[in-house]
Protein backbone atom coordinates (compact mmCIF):
# COMPACT_ATOMS: atom_id res chain seq x y z
CA MET A 1 0.00 0.00 0.00
CA THR A 2 1.24 3.46 -0.85
CA SER A 3 -0.26 6.60 0.56
CA VAL A 4 0.37 10.27 0.99
CA PRO A 5 0.80 10.53 4.76
CA PRO A 6 -1.07 13.21 6.71
CA ALA A 7 2.27 13.67 8.47
CA ASP A 8 3.27 15.68 5.43
CA LEU A 9 0.38 18.12 5.79
CA MET A 10 1.08 21.69 6.82
CA PRO A 11 -1.14 23.47 9.35
CA PRO A 12 -3.22 26.34 7.93
CA ASP A 13 -1.94 29.86 8.34
CA ASP A 14 -3.76 32.45 10.40
CA THR A 15 -5.87 33.71 7.50
CA PRO A 16 -9.53 32.89 8.21
CA PHE A 17 -11.07 30.53 5.70
CA GLY A 18 -14.62 29.52 4.99
CA SER A 19 -17.89 30.69 6.40
CA GLY A 20 -21.10 29.15 7.59
CA ASP A 21 -23.18 28.61 10.67
CA GLY A 22 -23.08 24.84 10.97
CA ASP A 23 -21.37 22.80 13.64
CA ALA A 24 -17.76 22.26 12.60
CA GLY A 25 -18.09 18.57 13.31
CA GLY A 26 -21.20 17.83 11.30
CA PRO A 27 -21.94 17.32 7.61
CA GLY A 28 -22.13 20.55 5.64
CA ALA A 29 -19.97 22.50 8.08
CA ALA A 30 -17.29 24.84 6.77
CA PRO A 31 -13.71 24.45 8.01
CA ARG A 32 -12.45 27.07 10.45
CA ASP A 33 -8.83 27.99 10.92
CA ASP A 34 -9.19 28.06 14.71
CA SER A 35 -10.58 24.52 15.04
CA ILE A 36 -8.62 22.40 12.59
CA PRO A 37 -7.09 19.39 14.35
CA LEU A 38 -4.48 18.19 11.87
CA PRO A 39 -3.19 14.64 12.34
CA ASP A 40 -0.13 14.09 14.45
CA GLY A 41 3.00 14.58 12.41
CA GLY A 42 4.49 11.31 13.60
CA THR A 43 8.21 10.67 13.75
CA GLY A 44 10.69 11.87 11.18
CA GLN A 45 11.62 8.27 10.44
CA ARG A 46 7.99 7.33 9.74
CA ARG A 47 7.65 10.25 7.37
CA ALA A 48 10.88 9.41 5.61
CA ARG A 49 9.84 5.80 5.10
CA ARG A 50 6.52 6.81 3.58
CA LEU A 51 8.10 9.34 1.27
CA GLN A 52 10.56 6.67 0.17
CA ARG A 53 7.68 4.32 -0.67
CA MET A 54 6.11 7.06 -2.77
CA ARG A 55 9.37 7.58 -4.64
CA GLU A 56 9.75 3.85 -5.22
CA ARG A 57 6.25 3.71 -6.64
CA ARG A 58 6.99 6.57 -9.05
CA HIS A 59 10.30 4.99 -10.05
CA ARG A 60 8.50 1.72 -10.74
CA TRP A 61 6.28 3.45 -13.27
CA LEU A 62 9.28 5.22 -14.81
CA ARG A 63 11.11 1.90 -15.20
CA ILE A 64 8.09 0.35 -16.85
CA GLY A 65 7.79 3.34 -19.15
CA ALA A 66 11.43 3.03 -20.11
CA ILE A 67 10.98 -0.63 -20.99
CA ALA A 68 7.98 0.24 -23.13
CA LEU A 69 10.01 2.94 -24.90
CA VAL A 70 12.83 0.55 -25.73
CA ALA A 71 10.31 -1.92 -27.16
CA VAL A 72 8.35 0.83 -28.88
CA THR A 73 7.54 -1.14 -32.02
CA VAL A 74 6.17 -4.17 -30.20
CA ALA A 75 4.38 -2.07 -27.60
CA ALA A 76 2.76 0.09 -30.26
CA VAL A 77 1.40 -2.96 -32.05
CA LEU A 78 0.07 -4.50 -28.85
CA ALA A 79 -1.42 -1.26 -27.59
CA ALA A 80 -3.12 -0.71 -30.93
CA GLY A 81 -4.47 -4.23 -30.70
CA VAL A 82 -5.96 -3.57 -27.30
CA THR A 83 -7.36 -0.11 -27.83
CA ARG A 84 -8.41 -0.62 -31.44
CA LEU A 85 -9.23 -4.33 -31.41
CA HIS A 86 -12.15 -4.66 -33.83
CA LEU A 87 -14.89 -6.74 -32.33
CA PRO A 88 -17.76 -6.54 -34.83
CA SER A 89 -21.23 -5.80 -33.53
CA SER A 90 -23.66 -8.71 -33.62
CA GLY A 91 -26.68 -7.31 -35.40
CA GLY A 92 -29.89 -8.79 -36.72
CA ARG A 93 -31.30 -9.97 -33.40
CA GLY A 94 -34.01 -7.38 -32.88
CA GLN A 95 -34.08 -3.66 -32.26
CA PRO A 96 -30.86 -1.67 -31.87
CA HIS A 97 -29.82 0.24 -28.77
CA GLY A 98 -32.17 2.94 -27.55
CA ALA A 99 -35.20 1.80 -29.51
CA ALA A 100 -38.33 3.90 -29.39
CA GLY A 101 -40.15 3.63 -26.13
CA ALA A 102 -37.01 2.50 -24.34
CA SER A 103 -37.12 2.28 -20.59
CA SER A 104 -34.25 2.35 -18.13
CA ALA A 105 -31.66 -0.39 -18.49
CA LEU A 106 -31.32 -3.43 -16.28
CA PRO A 107 -28.33 -3.29 -13.91
CA PRO A 108 -25.07 -4.37 -15.54
CA ALA A 109 -23.73 -7.77 -14.48
CA MET A 110 -20.14 -8.92 -14.33
CA LEU A 111 -19.18 -12.46 -15.34
CA VAL A 112 -15.78 -13.69 -14.16
CA GLN A 113 -14.07 -16.94 -15.04
CA SER A 114 -11.67 -18.19 -12.38
CA ASP A 115 -8.99 -20.85 -12.51
CA GLY A 116 -8.31 -23.60 -9.97
CA ALA A 117 -6.31 -21.22 -7.77
CA GLY A 118 -9.11 -18.66 -7.56
CA ARG A 119 -7.48 -16.21 -9.99
CA ALA A 120 -9.53 -14.28 -12.53
CA VAL A 121 -8.70 -15.36 -16.07
CA SER A 122 -11.47 -13.41 -17.81
CA ILE A 123 -13.64 -10.46 -16.78
CA VAL A 124 -16.65 -9.41 -18.86
CA VAL A 125 -19.29 -6.81 -17.97
CA VAL A 126 -22.70 -7.47 -19.52
CA ALA A 127 -24.39 -4.08 -19.82
CA PRO A 128 -27.94 -3.92 -21.24
CA ALA A 129 -28.87 -0.81 -23.21
CA PRO A 130 -31.86 1.38 -22.27
CA GLY A 131 -34.94 -0.54 -23.26
CA ASN A 132 -33.14 -3.83 -22.57
CA ARG A 133 -32.79 -4.83 -26.19
CA GLY A 134 -29.11 -5.23 -26.96
CA GLY A 135 -26.29 -3.54 -25.12
CA SER A 136 -22.54 -3.81 -24.60
CA LEU A 137 -20.03 -6.45 -23.61
CA VAL A 138 -17.02 -4.84 -21.95
CA TYR A 139 -13.88 -6.98 -21.81
CA LEU A 140 -11.46 -6.02 -19.03
CA PRO A 141 -8.01 -7.65 -19.11
CA PRO A 142 -7.30 -9.10 -15.63
CA GLY A 143 -3.82 -7.57 -15.81
CA THR A 144 -5.17 -4.01 -15.86
CA MET A 145 -3.38 -2.05 -13.11
CA THR A 146 -5.66 -0.17 -10.71
CA GLU A 147 -6.02 0.72 -7.04
CA ILE A 148 -7.26 -2.21 -4.95
CA PRO A 149 -8.32 -1.07 -1.47
CA SER A 150 -5.84 -2.26 1.19
CA LEU A 151 -3.40 -3.51 -1.46
CA GLY A 152 -2.48 -0.49 -3.57
CA LEU A 153 -1.74 -0.48 -7.29
CA GLU A 154 -2.17 -4.06 -8.49
CA PRO A 155 -3.68 -6.03 -11.39
CA VAL A 156 -7.46 -5.86 -11.14
CA GLY A 157 -7.73 -9.66 -11.28
CA LEU A 158 -5.82 -9.93 -7.99
CA ALA A 159 -8.84 -8.49 -6.18
CA LEU A 160 -10.71 -11.75 -6.72
CA GLU A 161 -7.87 -13.88 -5.43
CA VAL A 162 -7.36 -11.92 -2.20
CA GLY A 163 -10.85 -10.62 -1.46
CA GLY A 164 -13.39 -12.63 -3.39
CA ALA A 165 -16.23 -11.43 -5.58
CA ASP A 166 -17.15 -8.43 -3.41
CA ARG A 167 -13.62 -7.02 -3.49
CA LEU A 168 -13.43 -7.47 -7.25
CA LYS A 169 -16.81 -5.80 -7.69
CA SER A 170 -15.82 -2.74 -5.65
CA THR A 171 -12.49 -2.50 -7.47
CA VAL A 172 -14.08 -2.54 -10.93
CA GLU A 173 -16.75 -0.06 -9.82
CA ASN A 174 -14.03 2.30 -8.63
CA LEU A 175 -12.11 1.87 -11.88
CA PHE A 176 -15.17 2.53 -14.06
CA GLY A 177 -16.95 5.02 -11.83
CA ALA A 178 -20.19 3.07 -12.30
CA THR A 179 -22.23 0.69 -10.17
CA LEU A 180 -22.56 -2.98 -11.10
CA GLY A 181 -25.70 -4.88 -10.22
CA SER A 182 -24.10 -8.27 -9.60
CA VAL A 183 -20.95 -10.31 -10.03
CA THR A 184 -20.89 -14.00 -10.90
CA VAL A 185 -17.68 -16.00 -10.54
CA LEU A 186 -17.60 -19.35 -12.34
CA GLY A 187 -14.95 -22.03 -12.15
CA ALA A 188 -14.49 -24.47 -15.00
CA ASP A 189 -17.21 -26.91 -13.91
CA GLN A 190 -19.66 -24.12 -13.16
CA LEU A 191 -19.02 -22.52 -16.55
CA VAL A 192 -19.69 -25.83 -18.30
CA ALA A 193 -22.96 -26.16 -16.37
CA ALA A 194 -23.97 -22.62 -17.32
CA VAL A 195 -23.39 -23.22 -21.03
CA ARG A 196 -24.65 -26.83 -21.25
CA PRO A 197 -28.33 -25.97 -22.02
CA ALA A 198 -27.10 -24.18 -25.16
CA GLY A 199 -25.50 -27.38 -26.43
CA THR A 200 -22.61 -27.40 -28.90
CA LEU A 201 -21.97 -23.93 -30.32
CA ARG A 202 -20.59 -22.97 -33.72
CA VAL A 203 -17.81 -20.55 -32.83
CA THR A 204 -15.67 -18.77 -35.40
CA ILE A 205 -12.16 -19.05 -33.95
CA PRO A 206 -10.22 -15.90 -34.93
CA ARG A 207 -6.79 -17.52 -34.63
CA ARG A 208 -5.48 -21.04 -34.14
CA VAL A 209 -5.22 -22.01 -30.48
CA ALA A 210 -2.28 -24.20 -29.57
CA GLN A 211 -0.18 -25.02 -26.55
CA VAL A 212 3.32 -26.41 -26.16
CA ALA A 213 3.77 -29.56 -24.08
CA ASP A 214 6.69 -30.07 -21.71
CA ASN A 215 8.44 -32.16 -24.36
CA GLY A 216 8.23 -29.27 -26.83
CA GLN A 217 5.47 -30.79 -28.94
CA VAL A 218 2.83 -28.34 -30.17
CA GLN A 219 -0.76 -29.43 -29.64
CA VAL A 220 -3.45 -27.66 -31.67
CA LEU A 221 -6.69 -27.37 -29.68
CA PHE A 222 -8.74 -25.21 -32.04
CA GLU A 223 -8.03 -24.43 -35.67
CA GLN A 224 -8.76 -20.99 -37.07
CA GLY A 225 -12.23 -20.67 -38.56
CA PRO A 226 -15.65 -22.16 -37.74
CA ALA A 227 -15.52 -24.83 -35.03
CA GLN A 228 -18.04 -26.91 -33.13
CA VAL A 229 -17.37 -26.16 -29.45
CA ALA A 230 -18.92 -28.43 -26.85
CA PRO A 231 -19.78 -27.05 -23.39
CA GLU A 232 -16.87 -29.01 -21.87
CA GLN A 233 -14.45 -27.16 -24.17
CA VAL A 234 -15.62 -23.64 -23.30
CA PRO A 235 -13.39 -23.07 -20.21
CA THR A 236 -10.27 -23.94 -22.22
CA LEU A 237 -11.36 -21.83 -25.18
CA LEU A 238 -11.84 -18.75 -23.01
CA ALA A 239 -8.93 -19.13 -20.60
CA LEU A 240 -6.02 -20.62 -22.52
CA ARG A 241 -3.47 -18.08 -23.64
CA GLY A 242 -1.66 -20.66 -25.74
CA GLN A 243 1.08 -19.15 -27.87
CA GLY A 244 -0.76 -15.85 -28.13
CA SER A 245 -1.54 -13.04 -25.71
CA ASP A 246 -4.48 -11.55 -23.88
CA LEU A 247 -5.49 -9.95 -27.18
CA ASP A 248 -6.07 -13.37 -28.68
CA ARG A 249 -8.12 -14.41 -25.69
CA LEU A 250 -10.30 -11.30 -25.91
CA ALA A 251 -11.09 -12.02 -29.55
CA ARG A 252 -11.88 -15.65 -28.69
CA GLN A 253 -14.13 -14.57 -25.83
CA GLN A 254 -16.05 -12.28 -28.15
CA ALA A 255 -16.47 -15.09 -30.69
CA PHE A 256 -17.87 -17.33 -27.96
CA PHE A 257 -20.30 -14.73 -26.63
CA ASP A 258 -21.52 -13.99 -30.14
CA ALA A 259 -22.35 -17.67 -30.62
CA TRP A 260 -23.88 -18.06 -27.15
CA LEU A 261 -26.04 -14.95 -27.39
CA GLY A 262 -27.17 -16.04 -30.85
CA ARG A 263 -28.27 -19.37 -29.40
CA ILE A 264 -30.08 -17.61 -26.53
CA HIS A 265 -31.89 -15.44 -29.08
CA ASP A 266 -33.03 -18.50 -31.02
CA ASN A 267 -33.76 -20.53 -27.89
CA PRO A 268 -34.49 -18.46 -24.76
CA GLY A 269 -33.84 -21.50 -22.58
CA ALA A 270 -30.22 -21.71 -23.75
CA ASP A 271 -29.07 -19.79 -20.69
CA ALA A 272 -31.12 -21.82 -18.20
CA GLY A 273 -27.85 -23.01 -16.66
CA VAL A 274 -27.08 -19.47 -15.48
CA THR A 275 -28.31 -19.50 -11.89
CA GLN A 276 -27.58 -15.85 -11.02
CA PRO A 277 -30.81 -13.95 -11.88
CA GLY A 278 -29.12 -10.63 -12.60
CA LEU A 279 -26.65 -12.15 -15.04
CA ARG A 280 -29.30 -14.20 -16.82
CA ALA A 281 -31.55 -11.15 -17.20
CA ALA A 282 -28.65 -9.15 -18.64
CA LEU A 283 -27.76 -11.93 -21.11
CA ASP A 284 -31.42 -12.21 -22.20
CA ALA A 285 -31.51 -8.44 -22.80
CA LEU A 286 -28.40 -8.47 -24.97
CA ALA A 287 -29.68 -11.45 -26.97
CA LYS A 288 -32.72 -9.40 -28.05
CA GLY A 289 -30.79 -6.72 -29.93
CA THR A 290 -27.48 -5.44 -31.27
CA VAL A 291 -24.45 -6.17 -29.11
CA GLU A 292 -21.56 -3.72 -29.09
CA PRO A 293 -18.31 -5.38 -27.96
CA ARG A 294 -15.86 -3.04 -26.23
CA VAL A 295 -12.38 -3.56 -24.87
CA ALA A 296 -11.44 -1.42 -21.87
CA PRO A 297 -8.96 1.11 -23.32
CA VAL A 298 -5.56 0.10 -22.02
CA GLU A 299 -1.96 0.02 -23.19
CA GLU A 300 0.56 -2.66 -22.38
CA LEU A 301 3.13 -1.88 -19.69
CA GLY A 302 5.08 -5.12 -19.67
CA ARG A 303 4.88 -8.32 -17.68
CA GLY A 304 4.65 -8.97 -13.97
CA GLU A 305 6.98 -11.18 -11.97
CA ASP A 306 4.78 -14.18 -12.80
CA GLY A 307 4.96 -13.45 -16.53
CA THR A 308 1.38 -12.17 -16.87
CA GLU A 309 0.74 -9.14 -19.06
CA GLN A 310 0.05 -5.85 -17.29
CA TYR A 311 -1.79 -2.87 -18.69
CA LYS A 312 -2.22 0.81 -17.92
CA VAL A 313 -5.64 2.42 -18.30
CA GLN A 314 -6.04 5.26 -20.79
CA GLU A 315 -8.20 7.34 -18.48
CA ALA A 316 -9.72 9.81 -20.95
CA ASP A 317 -10.75 7.01 -23.32
CA LEU A 318 -12.07 4.94 -20.41
CA ALA A 319 -14.27 7.83 -19.23
CA ALA A 320 -15.74 8.18 -22.73
CA MET A 321 -16.39 4.44 -22.95
CA VAL A 322 -18.05 4.29 -19.53
CA ALA A 323 -20.30 7.24 -20.39
CA ALA A 324 -21.44 5.38 -23.53
CA VAL A 325 -21.95 2.02 -21.83
CA PHE A 326 -23.63 3.31 -18.63
CA PRO A 327 -25.57 6.38 -19.86
CA GLY A 328 -27.95 6.37 -16.92
CA GLN A 329 -25.15 6.43 -14.35
CA VAL A 330 -22.40 8.61 -15.78
CA ARG A 331 -23.24 12.21 -16.69
CA SER A 332 -19.80 13.53 -17.59
CA THR A 333 -16.55 12.39 -19.17
CA ALA A 334 -14.57 14.86 -17.05
CA PRO A 335 -11.98 13.34 -14.68
CA ARG A 336 -13.43 12.36 -11.33
CA PRO A 337 -12.08 13.97 -8.14
CA GLN A 338 -9.38 11.76 -6.63
CA VAL A 339 -9.51 10.65 -3.02
CA GLN A 340 -7.13 8.90 -0.66
CA ILE A 341 -8.47 6.74 2.18
CA LEU A 342 -6.34 6.23 5.29
CA ASN A 343 -7.34 3.77 8.00
CA GLY A 344 -7.18 5.54 11.35
CA THR A 345 -8.67 2.73 13.46
CA GLY A 346 -6.97 -0.50 12.40
CA ALA A 347 -10.30 -2.14 11.55
CA LEU A 348 -10.08 -4.72 8.77
CA GLU A 349 -11.57 -3.94 5.34
CA LEU A 350 -12.30 -0.39 6.46
CA ASP A 351 -11.13 1.25 3.23
CA VAL A 352 -13.31 -1.15 1.20
CA LYS A 353 -16.39 -0.08 3.16
CA VAL A 354 -15.55 3.61 2.83
CA ALA A 355 -14.92 3.25 -0.90
CA ALA A 356 -18.35 1.64 -1.30
CA ARG A 357 -19.89 4.93 -0.13
CA LEU A 358 -17.61 7.26 -2.05
CA VAL A 359 -17.59 5.74 -5.54
CA PRO A 360 -21.36 6.22 -6.10
CA ALA A 361 -20.81 9.88 -5.14
CA GLY A 362 -18.71 10.34 -8.26
CA VAL A 363 -15.17 10.24 -6.86
CA GLU A 364 -12.28 7.90 -7.59
CA VAL A 365 -10.36 6.20 -4.80
CA LYS A 366 -6.80 6.70 -5.99
CA LEU A 367 -4.77 5.62 -2.95
CA THR A 368 -5.39 3.62 0.22
CA GLY A 369 -3.26 2.92 3.27
CA ASN A 370 -2.91 3.34 7.03
CA ALA A 371 -2.85 6.61 8.96
CA SER A 372 0.03 7.52 11.24
CA SER A 373 -1.84 5.84 14.11
CA PHE A 374 -5.00 3.86 14.80
CA ASP A 375 -6.22 6.24 17.50
CA TYR A 376 -8.45 8.55 15.48
CA THR A 377 -11.85 8.91 17.13
CA GLU A 378 -13.21 11.35 14.54
CA THR A 379 -13.10 11.04 10.77
CA GLN A 380 -11.25 13.91 9.10
CA ILE A 381 -11.68 15.02 5.48
CA VAL A 382 -8.55 16.89 4.41
CA PHE A 383 -8.42 19.03 1.28
CA TYR A 384 -5.48 21.02 -0.03
CA ASP A 385 -6.96 23.76 -2.18
CA PRO A 386 -9.90 26.04 -1.26
CA ALA A 387 -11.25 25.41 -4.75
CA LYS A 388 -11.68 21.75 -3.76
CA GLN A 389 -13.87 22.45 -0.75
CA SER A 390 -16.94 21.37 -2.73
CA VAL A 391 -15.29 17.99 -3.33
CA ALA A 392 -14.57 17.63 0.38
CA GLU A 393 -18.20 18.49 1.15
CA ARG A 394 -19.37 15.90 -1.37
CA VAL A 395 -17.23 13.29 0.40
CA GLN A 396 -18.63 14.43 3.74
CA ARG A 397 -22.20 14.05 2.51
CA ALA A 398 -21.48 10.59 1.10
CA LEU A 399 -20.03 9.44 4.43
CA GLY A 400 -22.59 11.25 6.56
CA LEU A 401 -19.88 12.38 8.96
CA GLY A 402 -16.40 13.83 9.18
CA ARG A 403 -14.76 17.15 9.99
CA LEU A 404 -13.47 19.24 7.10
CA VAL A 405 -9.79 20.08 7.36
CA LEU A 406 -7.98 22.57 5.14
CA SER A 407 -4.25 22.14 4.59
CA ARG A 408 -2.36 25.10 3.21
CA ARG A 409 0.32 22.83 1.77
CA PRO A 410 -0.34 22.07 -1.91
CA LEU A 411 -0.67 18.44 -2.93
CA ASP A 412 -1.20 17.31 -6.51
CA VAL A 413 -1.52 13.57 -5.90
CA VAL A 414 -5.11 13.58 -4.64
CA ASP A 415 -7.81 16.19 -4.11
CA VAL A 416 -9.00 14.92 -0.73
CA THR A 417 -7.67 12.61 1.99
CA VAL A 418 -10.14 10.81 4.25
CA ILE A 419 -8.67 9.72 7.59
CA VAL A 420 -11.28 7.29 8.87
CA GLY A 421 -11.97 7.45 12.58
CA LYS A 422 -13.87 5.29 15.04
CA ASP A 423 -17.03 7.30 14.39
CA PHE A 424 -17.44 5.58 11.01
CA ARG A 425 -20.00 2.79 10.98
CA SER A 426 -20.33 0.56 7.93
CA GLY A 427 -23.94 -0.37 8.56
């Protein structure tokens, strides 16, 4: 976890700031220069260690960027493949998006395939369009780097491994800035059971799928072109990287969903094996109209220590995509205010619970970590620029508590820091 420590904050000067009649400790109150209890500065060693962690985090990104620059030709090709991967719309199954008389859309559902170790190998968001005829399939590479509460900047797929479906859901919601209705995690056997009512599907394989055995022999599992894929073969088709990359898997996943949704359109009982009601309803909605496949806009950074591909989000493009996919939730493509959450009590999963309140309020949790101590009785909402007071007040309203604190020391990493005290209740 990396955080900007409150120990680095500077007390306000003697210039009065803010106005208002409310109680300084309650929601909606304006900060006052004579009643601002800044966090304890801590020891010089503690501060030095935290600053060093921040520098190491920045250097990590610089090293990754340097590697990408050296391999500019390969990286450019891969990045273009991710951000411009052409996944053709599946038309001809009813009315297009936004048909006349459209009503509000069903909640989006996330379908996750996990391997035997509980790791996410594919993440797809099924997002019905207004009117619930057609919609979007959003493919999110599990190696996409993002902030995972309590862990810091990590691949989004790691959230499932360390915190289960709820942690993954909150992480993706924070990344997108949109609320998901449900998340369904399926292992290999569960995925086979979900697809079995559809029977054998005719899937157009975009590229030959092969794997190399320990003895060096190449085994071809699926040839390029039309193939008859039985339910028992679906987990391998979707998860196996083979000799390709995540780009190949994304194209294969789209080919599978196109075939599956086509079967559901022709035979509404073809998704009877999907036991999660929200996911089944979302799949039924997409099968009734045009499906727009979308890949989360990312660019390749390199590979992690385990050899998996890692990606950086292209934030402006992501905001535009989210606004198109979730029109009822997202009203602007402007960058969201960025917030840091620091645990001031030592309670487990505290930052996850706080994030669950803040993300629907339109902010992005950018950093998480621990405060300088676990003795905070009152939650403090620290902002660093008077122009950001409205953001701090929005955070205060979302939490329903907290004292506003103005720091006169500029900080460009986040707009607001929330130091969570013992007055926070998750219920």
